[in-house]
């Protein structure tokens, strides 16, 4: 394989690494919030187009508030 080509396996490994990183970050934040006395913390990691995915998840959960974090950009 020529240098710089990405195989399906490499792409899948990269996606899995991103998913694991997201899980670790969300868990760390959840634990921090609970440690600061926040009593009810729910987390959810979604994939797909952001707008429809968030709206669908909020509707399914019967949520009246959605809080989303960004990485500062």
Protein backbone atom coordinates (compact mmCIF):
# COMPACT_ATOMS: atom_id res chain seq x y z
CA UNK A 1 0.00 0.00 0.00
CA UNK A 2 1.40 3.42 -0.91
CA UNK A 3 2.24 5.78 1.93
CA UNK A 4 -0.64 8.00 2.99
CA UNK A 5 -3.46 5.61 2.05
CA UNK A 6 -5.98 4.77 4.73
CA UNK A 7 -7.48 1.31 4.91
CA UNK A 8 -10.93 0.52 6.25
CA UNK A 9 -9.29 -1.00 9.32
CA UNK A 10 -7.26 2.15 10.05
CA UNK A 11 -10.39 4.29 9.63
CA UNK A 12 -12.39 2.02 11.95
CA UNK A 13 -9.62 2.11 14.57
CA UNK A 14 -9.59 5.92 14.40
CA UNK A 15 -13.37 6.08 14.86
CA UNK A 16 -13.20 3.71 17.84
CA UNK A 17 -10.42 5.80 19.41
CA UNK A 18 -12.58 8.92 19.03
CA UNK A 19 -15.57 7.15 20.59
CA UNK A 20 -13.49 5.97 23.54
CA UNK A 21 -12.06 9.45 24.05
CA UNK A 22 -15.57 10.91 24.04
CA UNK A 23 -16.74 8.32 26.62
CA UNK A 24 -13.78 9.09 28.88
CA UNK A 25 -14.32 12.86 28.64
CA UNK A 26 -18.06 12.63 29.33
CA UNK A 27 -17.50 10.27 32.27
CA UNK A 28 -14.88 12.59 33.74
CA UNK A 29 -17.27 15.55 33.50
CA UNK A 30 -20.17 13.53 34.93
CA UNK A 31 -18.07 12.52 37.94
CA UNK A 32 -16.94 16.13 38.45
CA UNK A 33 -20.51 17.42 38.41
CA UNK A 34 -21.69 14.76 40.83
CA UNK A 35 -18.70 15.53 43.06
CA UNK A 36 -19.84 19.15 43.14
CA UNK A 37 -23.31 18.14 44.30
CA UNK A 38 -25.26 17.99 41.05
CA UNK A 39 -27.79 15.28 41.82
CA UNK A 40 -29.07 14.20 38.42
CA UNK A 41 -26.58 13.94 35.60
CA UNK A 42 -27.45 12.16 32.39
CA UNK A 43 -25.04 11.85 29.51
CA UNK A 44 -25.46 10.79 25.92
CA UNK A 45 -23.02 10.58 23.05
CA UNK A 46 -24.66 10.79 19.64
CA UNK A 47 -23.43 10.23 16.12
CA UNK A 48 -24.98 11.64 12.98
CA UNK A 49 -26.17 15.04 11.85
CA UNK A 50 -26.19 17.17 15.02
CA UNK A 51 -29.50 19.03 14.72
CA UNK A 52 -31.78 16.08 14.01
CA UNK A 53 -29.86 13.76 16.35
CA UNK A 54 -30.14 16.16 19.31
CA UNK A 55 -33.82 16.91 18.66
CA UNK A 56 -34.67 13.22 18.37
CA UNK A 57 -32.77 12.30 21.54
CA UNK A 58 -34.41 15.16 23.49
CA UNK A 59 -37.86 14.11 22.33
CA UNK A 60 -37.21 10.46 23.21
CA UNK A 61 -36.02 11.47 26.69
CA UNK A 62 -38.88 13.89 27.25
CA UNK A 63 -36.26 16.52 28.01
CA UNK A 64 -37.19 20.11 28.73
CA UNK A 65 -33.55 21.22 28.81
CA UNK A 66 -30.54 20.22 26.73
CA UNK A 67 -27.05 21.34 27.72
CA UNK A 68 -24.29 20.91 25.16
CA UNK A 69 -20.60 21.57 25.55
CA UNK A 70 -18.12 22.63 22.90
CA UNK A 71 -14.38 22.63 22.70
CA UNK A 72 -14.19 26.41 22.52
CA UNK A 73 -14.31 27.12 18.80
